[in-house]
């Protein structure tokens, strides 16, 4: 994740055109977070760009490791008593039973 609080010299500019309604919406959102419009837009653009980068990341592994990974996925699950107990209890989202 990029550090936005860096002391690194920011010598590159970004300019975008918006409608008045878009600008007002972005300004209100930035104000709610006590940020400048520049901080708000930059943080959100970087967060989205980093998420896209991560979605497109791929890993190279040997065929042996890949097949081992697939075999592990195909194995039956192992019971975990604490989880079984947890899932047997009603959650806060369940409707109360009468």
PDB file of N, CA and C in Angstrom:
ATOM      1  N   UNK A   1       0.841  -1.176   0.000  1.00  0.00           N
ATOM      2  CA  UNK A   1       0.000   0.000   0.000  1.00  0.00           C
ATOM      3  C   UNK A   1       0.886   1.240   0.000  1.00  0.00           C
ATOM      4  N   UNK A   2       0.532   2.207  -0.797  1.00  0.00           N
ATOM      5  CA  UNK A   2       1.318   3.424  -0.883  1.00  0.00           C
ATOM      6  C   UNK A   2       1.080   4.314   0.328  1.00  0.00           C
ATOM      7  N   UNK A   3       2.139   4.940   0.809  1.00  0.00           N
ATOM      8  CA  UNK A   3       2.056   5.845   1.942  1.00  0.00           C
ATOM      9  C   UNK A   3       1.738   7.249   1.426  1.00  0.00           C
ATOM     10  N   UNK A   4       0.557   7.745   1.769  1.00  0.00           N
ATOM     11  CA  UNK A   4       0.151   9.068   1.299  1.00  0.00           C
ATOM     12  C   UNK A   4       0.724  10.189   2.154  1.00  0.00           C
ATOM     13  N   UNK A   5       1.237   9.864   3.324  1.00  0.00           N
ATOM     14  CA  UNK A   5       1.788  10.876   4.228  1.00  0.00           C
ATOM     15  C   UNK A   5       3.284  11.066   3.998  1.00  0.00           C
ATOM     16  N   UNK A   6       3.786  10.539   2.925  1.00  0.00           N
ATOM     17  CA  UNK A   6       5.217  10.579   2.652  1.00  0.00           C
ATOM     18  C   UNK A   6       5.719  12.010   2.477  1.00  0.00           C
ATOM     19  N   UNK A   7       6.973  12.209   2.822  1.00  0.00           N
ATOM     20  CA  UNK A   7       7.610  13.517   2.625  1.00  0.00           C
ATOM     21  C   UNK A   7       8.169  13.629   1.205  1.00  0.00           C
ATOM     22  N   UNK A   8       7.986  12.576   0.447  1.00  0.00           N
ATOM     23  CA  UNK A   8       8.478  12.556  -0.934  1.00  0.00           C
ATOM     24  C   UNK A   8       7.885  13.732  -1.707  1.00  0.00           C
ATOM     25  N   UNK A   9       8.693  14.330  -2.528  1.00  0.00           N
ATOM     26  CA  UNK A   9       8.271  15.487  -3.301  1.00  0.00           C
ATOM     27  C   UNK A   9       7.187  15.092  -4.298  1.00  0.00           C
ATOM     28  N   UNK A  10       6.068  15.751  -4.227  1.00  0.00           N
ATOM     29  CA  UNK A  10       4.966  15.496  -5.165  1.00  0.00           C
ATOM     30  C   UNK A  10       5.081  16.511  -6.300  1.00  0.00           C
ATOM     31  N   UNK A  11       5.699  16.073  -7.370  1.00  0.00           N
ATOM     32  CA  UNK A  11       5.921  17.006  -8.474  1.00  0.00           C
ATOM     33  C   UNK A  11       5.070  16.690  -9.693  1.00  0.00           C
ATOM     34  N   UNK A  12       4.139  15.775  -9.551  1.00  0.00           N
ATOM     35  CA  UNK A  12       3.273  15.408 -10.668  1.00  0.00           C
ATOM     36  C   UNK A  12       1.839  15.828 -10.343  1.00  0.00           C
ATOM     37  N   UNK A  13       1.154  16.350 -11.341  1.00  0.00           N
ATOM     38  CA  UNK A  13      -0.218  16.818 -11.144  1.00  0.00           C
ATOM     39  C   UNK A  13      -1.193  15.921 -11.873  1.00  0.00           C
ATOM     40  N   UNK A  14      -2.405  15.903 -11.367  1.00  0.00           N
ATOM     41  CA  UNK A  14      -3.507  15.158 -11.964  1.00  0.00           C
ATOM     42  C   UNK A  14      -4.652  16.142 -12.112  1.00  0.00           C
ATOM     43  N   UNK A  15      -5.269  16.206 -13.244  1.00  0.00           N
ATOM     44  CA  UNK A  15      -6.376  17.131 -13.449  1.00  0.00           C
ATOM     45  C   UNK A  15      -7.547  16.368 -14.051  1.00  0.00           C
ATOM     46  N   UNK A  16      -8.730  16.542 -13.473  1.00  0.00           N
ATOM     47  CA  UNK A  16      -9.917  15.872 -14.010  1.00  0.00           C
ATOM     48  C   UNK A  16     -11.050  16.880 -14.150  1.00  0.00           C
ATOM     49  N   UNK A  17     -11.943  16.597 -15.059  1.00  0.00           N
ATOM     50  CA  UNK A  17     -13.122  17.437 -15.243  1.00  0.00           C
ATOM     51  C   UNK A  17     -14.324  16.706 -14.647  1.00  0.00           C
ATOM     52  N   UNK A  18     -15.189  17.473 -13.990  1.00  0.00           N
ATOM     53  CA  UNK A  18     -16.390  16.909 -13.386  1.00  0.00           C
ATOM     54  C   UNK A  18     -17.564  17.823 -13.673  1.00  0.00           C
ATOM     55  N   UNK A  19     -18.734  17.278 -13.424  1.00  0.00           N
ATOM     56  CA  UNK A  19     -19.909  18.146 -13.434  1.00  0.00           C
ATOM     57  C   UNK A  19     -19.946  18.858 -12.083  1.00  0.00           C
ATOM     58  N   UNK A  20     -20.745  19.876 -11.971  1.00  0.00           N
ATOM     59  CA  UNK A  20     -20.875  20.599 -10.709  1.00  0.00           C
ATOM     60  C   UNK A  20     -21.410  19.657  -9.624  1.00  0.00           C
ATOM     61  N   UNK A  21     -22.385  18.819  -9.968  1.00  0.00           N
ATOM     62  CA  UNK A  21     -22.955  17.884  -8.989  1.00  0.00           C
ATOM     63  C   UNK A  21     -21.900  16.889  -8.498  1.00  0.00           C
ATOM     64  N   UNK A  22     -21.070  16.394  -9.402  1.00  0.00           N
ATOM     65  CA  UNK A  22     -20.015  15.459  -9.005  1.00  0.00           C
ATOM     66  C   UNK A  22     -19.023  16.137  -8.068  1.00  0.00           C
ATOM     67  N   UNK A  23     -18.647  17.363  -8.405  1.00  0.00           N
ATOM     68  CA  UNK A  23     -17.689  18.099  -7.575  1.00  0.00           C
ATOM     69  C   UNK A  23     -18.273  18.354  -6.193  1.00  0.00           C
ATOM     70  N   UNK A  24     -19.536  18.738  -6.122  1.00  0.00           N
ATOM     71  CA  UNK A  24     -20.177  18.997  -4.838  1.00  0.00           C
ATOM     72  C   UNK A  24     -20.260  17.728  -3.995  1.00  0.00           C
ATOM     73  N   UNK A  25     -20.585  16.612  -4.628  1.00  0.00           N
ATOM     74  CA  UNK A  25     -20.665  15.328  -3.925  1.00  0.00           C
ATOM     75  C   UNK A  25     -19.306  14.941  -3.344  1.00  0.00           C
ATOM     76  N   UNK A  26     -18.269  15.037  -4.166  1.00  0.00           N
ATOM     77  CA  UNK A  26     -16.912  14.693  -3.719  1.00  0.00           C
ATOM     78  C   UNK A  26     -16.463  15.632  -2.605  1.00  0.00           C
ATOM     79  N   UNK A  27     -16.767  16.903  -2.731  1.00  0.00           N
ATOM     80  CA  UNK A  27     -16.394  17.883  -1.708  1.00  0.00           C
ATOM     81  C   UNK A  27     -17.091  17.585  -0.389  1.00  0.00           C
ATOM     82  N   UNK A  28     -18.395  17.259  -0.436  1.00  0.00           N
ATOM     83  CA  UNK A  28     -19.118  16.919   0.796  1.00  0.00           C
ATOM     84  C   UNK A  28     -18.511  15.689   1.464  1.00  0.00           C
ATOM     85  N   UNK A  29     -18.198  14.672   0.655  1.00  0.00           N
ATOM     86  CA  UNK A  29     -17.611  13.439   1.197  1.00  0.00           C
ATOM     87  C   UNK A  29     -16.251  13.731   1.832  1.00  0.00           C
ATOM     88  N   UNK A  30     -15.438  14.513   1.172  1.00  0.00           N
ATOM     89  CA  UNK A  30     -14.114  14.865   1.707  1.00  0.00           C
ATOM     90  C   UNK A  30     -14.269  15.631   3.018  1.00  0.00           C
ATOM     91  N   UNK A  31     -15.191  16.571   3.052  1.00  0.00           N
ATOM     92  CA  UNK A  31     -15.417  17.359   4.268  1.00  0.00           C
ATOM     93  C   UNK A  31     -15.857  16.467   5.428  1.00  0.00           C
ATOM     94  N   UNK A  32     -16.697  15.478   5.143  1.00  0.00           N
ATOM     95  CA  UNK A  32     -17.143  14.560   6.196  1.00  0.00           C
ATOM     96  C   UNK A  32     -15.977  13.827   6.844  1.00  0.00           C
ATOM     97  N   UNK A  33     -14.948  13.573   6.060  1.00  0.00           N
ATOM     98  CA  UNK A  33     -13.778  12.865   6.572  1.00  0.00           C
ATOM     99  C   UNK A  33     -12.663  13.812   6.996  1.00  0.00           C
ATOM    100  N   UNK A  34     -12.976  15.104   7.008  1.00  0.00           N
ATOM    101  CA  UNK A  34     -11.981  16.129   7.359  1.00  0.00           C
ATOM    102  C   UNK A  34     -10.737  16.025   6.493  1.00  0.00           C
ATOM    103  N   UNK A  35     -10.953  15.869   5.197  1.00  0.00           N
ATOM    104  CA  UNK A  35      -9.857  15.778   4.235  1.00  0.00           C
ATOM    105  C   UNK A  35     -10.047  16.844   3.171  1.00  0.00           C
ATOM    106  N   UNK A  36      -8.955  17.157   2.516  1.00  0.00           N
ATOM    107  CA  UNK A  36      -9.082  18.033   1.350  1.00  0.00           C
ATOM    108  C   UNK A  36      -9.634  17.187   0.203  1.00  0.00           C
ATOM    109  N   UNK A  37     -10.142  17.847  -0.807  1.00  0.00           N
ATOM    110  CA  UNK A  37     -10.626  17.116  -1.977  1.00  0.00           C
ATOM    111  C   UNK A  37      -9.481  16.330  -2.600  1.00  0.00           C
ATOM    112  N   UNK A  38      -8.315  16.929  -2.674  1.00  0.00           N
ATOM    113  CA  UNK A  38      -7.154  16.233  -3.249  1.00  0.00           C
ATOM    114  C   UNK A  38      -6.827  14.968  -2.459  1.00  0.00           C
ATOM    115  N   UNK A  39      -6.788  15.067  -1.130  1.00  0.00           N
ATOM    116  CA  UNK A  39      -6.503  13.891  -0.302  1.00  0.00           C
ATOM    117  C   UNK A  39      -7.556  12.807  -0.518  1.00  0.00           C
ATOM    118  N   UNK A  40      -8.818  13.226  -0.518  1.00  0.00           N
ATOM    119  CA  UNK A  40      -9.918  12.279  -0.672  1.00  0.00           C
ATOM    120  C   UNK A  40      -9.850  11.559  -2.019  1.00  0.00           C
ATOM    121  N   UNK A  41      -9.692  12.317  -3.081  1.00  0.00           N
ATOM    122  CA  UNK A  41      -9.655  11.720  -4.424  1.00  0.00           C
ATOM    123  C   UNK A  41      -8.421  10.832  -4.568  1.00  0.00           C
ATOM    124  N   UNK A  42      -7.271  11.303  -4.131  1.00  0.00           N
ATOM    125  CA  UNK A  42      -6.046  10.524  -4.265  1.00  0.00           C
ATOM    126  C   UNK A  42      -6.118   9.219  -3.475  1.00  0.00           C
ATOM    127  N   UNK A  43      -6.560   9.291  -2.214  1.00  0.00           N
ATOM    128  CA  UNK A  43      -6.656   8.078  -1.402  1.00  0.00           C
ATOM    129  C   UNK A  43      -7.591   7.050  -2.021  1.00  0.00           C
ATOM    130  N   UNK A  44      -8.751   7.502  -2.490  1.00  0.00           N
ATOM    131  CA  UNK A  44      -9.718   6.570  -3.068  1.00  0.00           C
ATOM    132  C   UNK A  44      -9.257   6.025  -4.408  1.00  0.00           C
ATOM    133  N   UNK A  45      -8.597   6.834  -5.200  1.00  0.00           N
ATOM    134  CA  UNK A  45      -8.075   6.359  -6.483  1.00  0.00           C
ATOM    135  C   UNK A  45      -6.970   5.331  -6.262  1.00  0.00           C
ATOM    136  N   UNK A  46      -6.091   5.595  -5.303  1.00  0.00           N
ATOM    137  CA  UNK A  46      -5.002   4.654  -5.018  1.00  0.00           C
ATOM    138  C   UNK A  46      -5.555   3.349  -4.463  1.00  0.00           C
ATOM    139  N   UNK A  47      -6.519   3.437  -3.556  1.00  0.00           N
ATOM    140  CA  UNK A  47      -7.121   2.224  -2.981  1.00  0.00           C
ATOM    141  C   UNK A  47      -7.744   1.352  -4.079  1.00  0.00           C
ATOM    142  N   UNK A  48      -8.464   1.972  -4.997  1.00  0.00           N
ATOM    143  CA  UNK A  48      -9.090   1.228  -6.092  1.00  0.00           C
ATOM    144  C   UNK A  48      -8.039   0.649  -7.029  1.00  0.00           C
ATOM    145  N   UNK A  49      -7.028   1.420  -7.346  1.00  0.00           N
ATOM    146  CA  UNK A  49      -5.965   0.944  -8.236  1.00  0.00           C
ATOM    147  C   UNK A  49      -5.211  -0.233  -7.614  1.00  0.00           C
ATOM    148  N   UNK A  50      -4.912  -0.139  -6.316  1.00  0.00           N
ATOM    149  CA  UNK A  50      -4.207  -1.236  -5.645  1.00  0.00           C
ATOM    150  C   UNK A  50      -5.063  -2.502  -5.605  1.00  0.00           C
ATOM    151  N   UNK A  51      -6.364  -2.347  -5.385  1.00  0.00           N
ATOM    152  CA  UNK A  51      -7.255  -3.514  -5.371  1.00  0.00           C
ATOM    153  C   UNK A  51      -7.283  -4.181  -6.747  1.00  0.00           C
ATOM    154  N   UNK A  52      -7.322  -3.381  -7.796  1.00  0.00           N
ATOM    155  CA  UNK A  52      -7.298  -3.935  -9.155  1.00  0.00           C
ATOM    156  C   UNK A  52      -5.989  -4.647  -9.441  1.00  0.00           C
ATOM    157  N   UNK A  53      -4.890  -4.053  -8.969  1.00  0.00           N
ATOM    158  CA  UNK A  53      -3.585  -4.689  -9.148  1.00  0.00           C
ATOM    159  C   UNK A  53      -3.559  -6.048  -8.460  1.00  0.00           C
ATOM    160  N   UNK A  54      -4.090  -6.111  -7.243  1.00  0.00           N
ATOM    161  CA  UNK A  54      -4.101  -7.369  -6.498  1.00  0.00           C
ATOM    162  C   UNK A  54      -4.995  -8.406  -7.179  1.00  0.00           C
ATOM    163  N   UNK A  55      -6.116  -7.959  -7.735  1.00  0.00           N
ATOM    164  CA  UNK A  55      -7.017  -8.883  -8.434  1.00  0.00           C
ATOM    165  C   UNK A  55      -6.341  -9.496  -9.649  1.00  0.00           C
ATOM    166  N   UNK A  56      -5.403  -8.777 -10.240  1.00  0.00           N
ATOM    167  CA  UNK A  56      -4.739  -9.263 -11.442  1.00  0.00           C
ATOM    168  C   UNK A  56      -3.401  -9.941 -11.159  1.00  0.00           C
ATOM    169  N   UNK A  57      -3.065 -10.047  -9.875  1.00  0.00           N
ATOM    170  CA  UNK A  57      -1.797 -10.698  -9.521  1.00  0.00           C
ATOM    171  C   UNK A  57      -1.922 -12.196  -9.763  1.00  0.00           C
ATOM    172  N   UNK A  58      -0.855 -12.802 -10.204  1.00  0.00           N
ATOM    173  CA  UNK A  58      -0.843 -14.254 -10.359  1.00  0.00           C
ATOM    174  C   UNK A  58       0.465 -14.790  -9.802  1.00  0.00           C
ATOM    175  N   UNK A  59       0.405 -16.026  -9.405  1.00  0.00           N
ATOM    176  CA  UNK A  59       1.550 -16.655  -8.774  1.00  0.00           C
ATOM    177  C   UNK A  59       2.014 -17.808  -9.633  1.00  0.00           C
ATOM    178  N   UNK A  60       3.301 -17.960  -9.731  1.00  0.00           N
ATOM    179  CA  UNK A  60       3.879 -19.053 -10.495  1.00  0.00           C
ATOM    180  C   UNK A  60       4.424 -20.077  -9.506  1.00  0.00           C
ATOM    181  N   UNK A  61       3.920 -21.292  -9.625  1.00  0.00           N
ATOM    182  CA  UNK A  61       4.397 -22.383  -8.772  1.00  0.00           C
ATOM    183  C   UNK A  61       4.683 -23.585  -9.665  1.00  0.00           C
ATOM    184  N   UNK A  62       5.463 -24.486  -9.128  1.00  0.00           N
ATOM    185  CA  UNK A  62       5.783 -25.696  -9.883  1.00  0.00           C
ATOM    186  C   UNK A  62       4.520 -26.553 -10.034  1.00  0.00           C
ATOM    187  N   UNK A  63       4.538 -27.427 -11.009  1.00  0.00           N
ATOM    188  CA  UNK A  63       3.402 -28.330 -11.218  1.00  0.00           C
ATOM    189  C   UNK A  63       3.164 -29.172  -9.962  1.00  0.00           C
ATOM    190  N   UNK A  64       4.254 -29.598  -9.331  1.00  0.00           N
ATOM    191  CA  UNK A  64       4.147 -30.422  -8.122  1.00  0.00           C
ATOM    192  C   UNK A  64       3.397 -29.667  -7.009  1.00  0.00           C
ATOM    193  N   UNK A  65       3.770 -28.422  -6.789  1.00  0.00           N
ATOM    194  CA  UNK A  65       3.116 -27.639  -5.735  1.00  0.00           C
ATOM    195  C   UNK A  65       1.663 -27.341  -6.105  1.00  0.00           C
ATOM    196  N   UNK A  66       1.401 -27.094  -7.378  1.00  0.00           N
ATOM    197  CA  UNK A  66       0.041 -26.826  -7.829  1.00  0.00           C
ATOM    198  C   UNK A  66      -0.843 -28.054  -7.615  1.00  0.00           C
ATOM    199  N   UNK A  67      -0.335 -29.213  -7.972  1.00  0.00           N
ATOM    200  CA  UNK A  67      -1.106 -30.440  -7.792  1.00  0.00           C
ATOM    201  C   UNK A  67      -1.315 -30.739  -6.317  1.00  0.00           C
ATOM    202  N   UNK A  68      -0.325 -30.438  -5.491  1.00  0.00           N
ATOM    203  CA  UNK A  68      -0.456 -30.608  -4.051  1.00  0.00           C
ATOM    204  C   UNK A  68      -1.539 -29.673  -3.502  1.00  0.00           C
ATOM    205  N   UNK A  69      -1.566 -28.464  -4.003  1.00  0.00           N
ATOM    206  CA  UNK A  69      -2.581 -27.490  -3.596  1.00  0.00           C
ATOM    207  C   UNK A  69      -3.973 -27.985  -3.976  1.00  0.00           C
ATOM    208  N   UNK A  70      -4.125 -28.472  -5.207  1.00  0.00           N
ATOM    209  CA  UNK A  70      -5.429 -28.982  -5.648  1.00  0.00           C
ATOM    210  C   UNK A  70      -5.856 -30.180  -4.813  1.00  0.00           C
ATOM    211  N   UNK A  71      -4.918 -31.046  -4.486  1.00  0.00           N
ATOM    212  CA  UNK A  71      -5.233 -32.217  -3.665  1.00  0.00           C
ATOM    213  C   UNK A  71      -5.717 -31.777  -2.282  1.00  0.00           C
ATOM    214  N   UNK A  72      -5.079 -30.759  -1.717  1.00  0.00           N
ATOM    215  CA  UNK A  72      -5.498 -30.257  -0.409  1.00  0.00           C
ATOM    216  C   UNK A  72      -6.913 -29.694  -0.468  1.00  0.00           C
ATOM    217  N   UNK A  73      -7.266 -29.037  -1.572  1.00  0.00           N
ATOM    218  CA  UNK A  73      -8.620 -28.504  -1.726  1.00  0.00           C
ATOM    219  C   UNK A  73      -9.652 -29.623  -1.821  1.00  0.00           C
ATOM    220  N   UNK A  74      -9.257 -30.751  -2.416  1.00  0.00           N
ATOM    221  CA  UNK A  74     -10.175 -31.875  -2.601  1.00  0.00           C
ATOM    222  C   UNK A  74     -10.349 -32.728  -1.348  1.00  0.00           C
ATOM    223  N   UNK A  75      -9.472 -32.571  -0.362  1.00  0.00           N
ATOM    224  CA  UNK A  75      -9.566 -33.371   0.856  1.00  0.00           C
ATOM    225  C   UNK A  75     -10.814 -32.988   1.639  1.00  0.00           C
ATOM    226  N   UNK A  76     -11.398 -33.989   2.330  1.00  0.00           N
ATOM    227  CA  UNK A  76     -12.557 -33.660   3.169  1.00  0.00           C
ATOM    228  C   UNK A  76     -12.140 -32.720   4.302  1.00  0.00           C
ATOM    229  N   UNK A  77     -13.091 -31.935   4.750  1.00  0.00           N
ATOM    230  CA  UNK A  77     -12.789 -31.003   5.836  1.00  0.00           C
ATOM    231  C   UNK A  77     -12.555 -31.759   7.139  1.00  0.00           C
ATOM    232  N   UNK A  78     -11.778 -31.148   8.005  1.00  0.00           N
ATOM    233  CA  UNK A  78     -11.511 -31.734   9.317  1.00  0.00           C
ATOM    234  C   UNK A  78     -12.415 -31.038  10.329  1.00  0.00           C
ATOM    235  N   UNK A  79     -13.102 -31.814  11.154  1.00  0.00           N
ATOM    236  CA  UNK A  79     -13.986 -31.165  12.133  1.00  0.00           C
ATOM    237  C   UNK A  79     -13.186 -30.364  13.164  1.00  0.00           C
ATOM    238  N   UNK A  80     -13.694 -29.190  13.447  1.00  0.00           N
ATOM    239  CA  UNK A  80     -13.099 -28.342  14.474  1.00  0.00           C
ATOM    240  C   UNK A  80     -14.193 -28.116  15.517  1.00  0.00           C
ATOM    241  N   UNK A  81     -14.093 -28.769  16.674  1.00  0.00           N
ATOM    242  CA  UNK A  81     -15.164 -28.706  17.670  1.00  0.00           C
ATOM    243  C   UNK A  81     -15.608 -27.292  18.038  1.00  0.00           C
ATOM    244  N   UNK A  82     -14.675 -26.385  18.196  1.00  0.00           N
ATOM    245  CA  UNK A  82     -15.043 -25.012  18.574  1.00  0.00           C
ATOM    246  C   UNK A  82     -15.913 -24.362  17.496  1.00  0.00           C
ATOM    247  N   UNK A  83     -15.593 -24.616  16.218  1.00  0.00           N
ATOM    248  CA  UNK A  83     -16.413 -24.055  15.139  1.00  0.00           C
ATOM    249  C   UNK A  83     -17.773 -24.733  15.069  1.00  0.00           C
ATOM    250  N   UNK A  84     -17.801 -26.049  15.281  1.00  0.00           N
ATOM    251  CA  UNK A  84     -19.079 -26.758  15.268  1.00  0.00           C
ATOM    252  C   UNK A  84     -20.000 -26.209  16.355  1.00  0.00           C
ATOM    253  N   UNK A  85     -19.426 -25.963  17.545  1.00  0.00           N
ATOM    254  CA  UNK A  85     -20.214 -25.395  18.645  1.00  0.00           C
ATOM    255  C   UNK A  85     -20.705 -23.997  18.288  1.00  0.00           C
ATOM    256  N   UNK A  86     -19.805 -23.190  17.730  1.00  0.00           N
ATOM    257  CA  UNK A  86     -20.161 -21.821  17.365  1.00  0.00           C
ATOM    258  C   UNK A  86     -21.303 -21.789  16.356  1.00  0.00           C
ATOM    259  N   UNK A  87     -21.227 -22.625  15.329  1.00  0.00           N
ATOM    260  CA  UNK A  87     -22.252 -22.612  14.289  1.00  0.00           C
ATOM    261  C   UNK A  87     -23.552 -23.268  14.733  1.00  0.00           C
ATOM    262  N   UNK A  88     -23.517 -24.034  15.806  1.00  0.00           N
ATOM    263  CA  UNK A  88     -24.726 -24.657  16.330  1.00  0.00           C
ATOM    264  C   UNK A  88     -25.551 -23.654  17.140  1.00  0.00           C
ATOM    265  N   UNK A  89     -24.906 -22.603  17.630  1.00  0.00           N
ATOM    266  CA  UNK A  89     -25.594 -21.590  18.422  1.00  0.00           C
ATOM    267  C   UNK A  89     -26.244 -20.557  17.503  1.00  0.00           C
ATOM    268  N   UNK A  90     -27.376 -19.985  17.927  1.00  0.00           N
ATOM    269  CA  UNK A  90     -28.003 -18.938  17.100  1.00  0.00           C
ATOM    270  C   UNK A  90     -27.105 -17.701  17.032  1.00  0.00           C
ATOM    271  N   UNK A  91     -27.102 -17.064  15.890  1.00  0.00           N
ATOM    272  CA  UNK A  91     -26.302 -15.848  15.736  1.00  0.00           C
ATOM    273  C   UNK A  91     -27.156 -14.637  16.064  1.00  0.00           C
ATOM    274  N   UNK A  92     -26.535 -13.497  16.141  1.00  0.00           N
ATOM    275  CA  UNK A  92     -27.276 -12.256  16.404  1.00  0.00           C
ATOM    276  C   UNK A  92     -28.201 -11.916  15.245  1.00  0.00           C
ATOM    277  N   UNK A  93     -27.974 -12.528  14.086  1.00  0.00           N
ATOM    278  CA  UNK A  93     -28.811 -12.263  12.918  1.00  0.00           C
ATOM    279  C   UNK A  93     -30.020 -13.193  12.839  1.00  0.00           C
ATOM    280  N   UNK A  94     -29.988 -14.274  13.611  1.00  0.00           N
ATOM    281  CA  UNK A  94     -31.121 -15.198  13.614  1.00  0.00           C
ATOM    282  C   UNK A  94     -32.295 -14.587  14.349  1.00  0.00           C
ATOM    283  N   UNK A  95     -33.491 -14.952  13.890  1.00  0.00           N
ATOM    284  CA  UNK A  95     -34.678 -14.505  14.584  1.00  0.00           C
ATOM    285  C   UNK A  95     -34.829 -15.325  15.856  1.00  0.00           C
ATOM    286  N   UNK A  96     -35.321 -14.701  16.926  1.00  0.00           N
ATOM    287  CA  UNK A  96     -35.477 -15.453  18.175  1.00  0.00           C
ATOM    288  C   UNK A  96     -36.448 -16.617  17.992  1.00  0.00           C
ATOM    289  N   UNK A  97     -36.110 -17.721  18.617  1.00  0.00           N
ATOM    290  CA  UNK A  97     -37.000 -18.901  18.571  1.00  0.00           C
ATOM    291  C   UNK A  97     -37.998 -18.805  19.708  1.00  0.00           C
ATOM    292  N   UNK A  98     -39.246 -19.152  19.407  1.00  0.00           N
ATOM    293  CA  UNK A  98     -40.290 -19.109  20.452  1.00  0.00           C
ATOM    294  C   UNK A  98     -40.563 -20.480  20.984  1.00  0.00           C
TER     295      UNK A  98
END
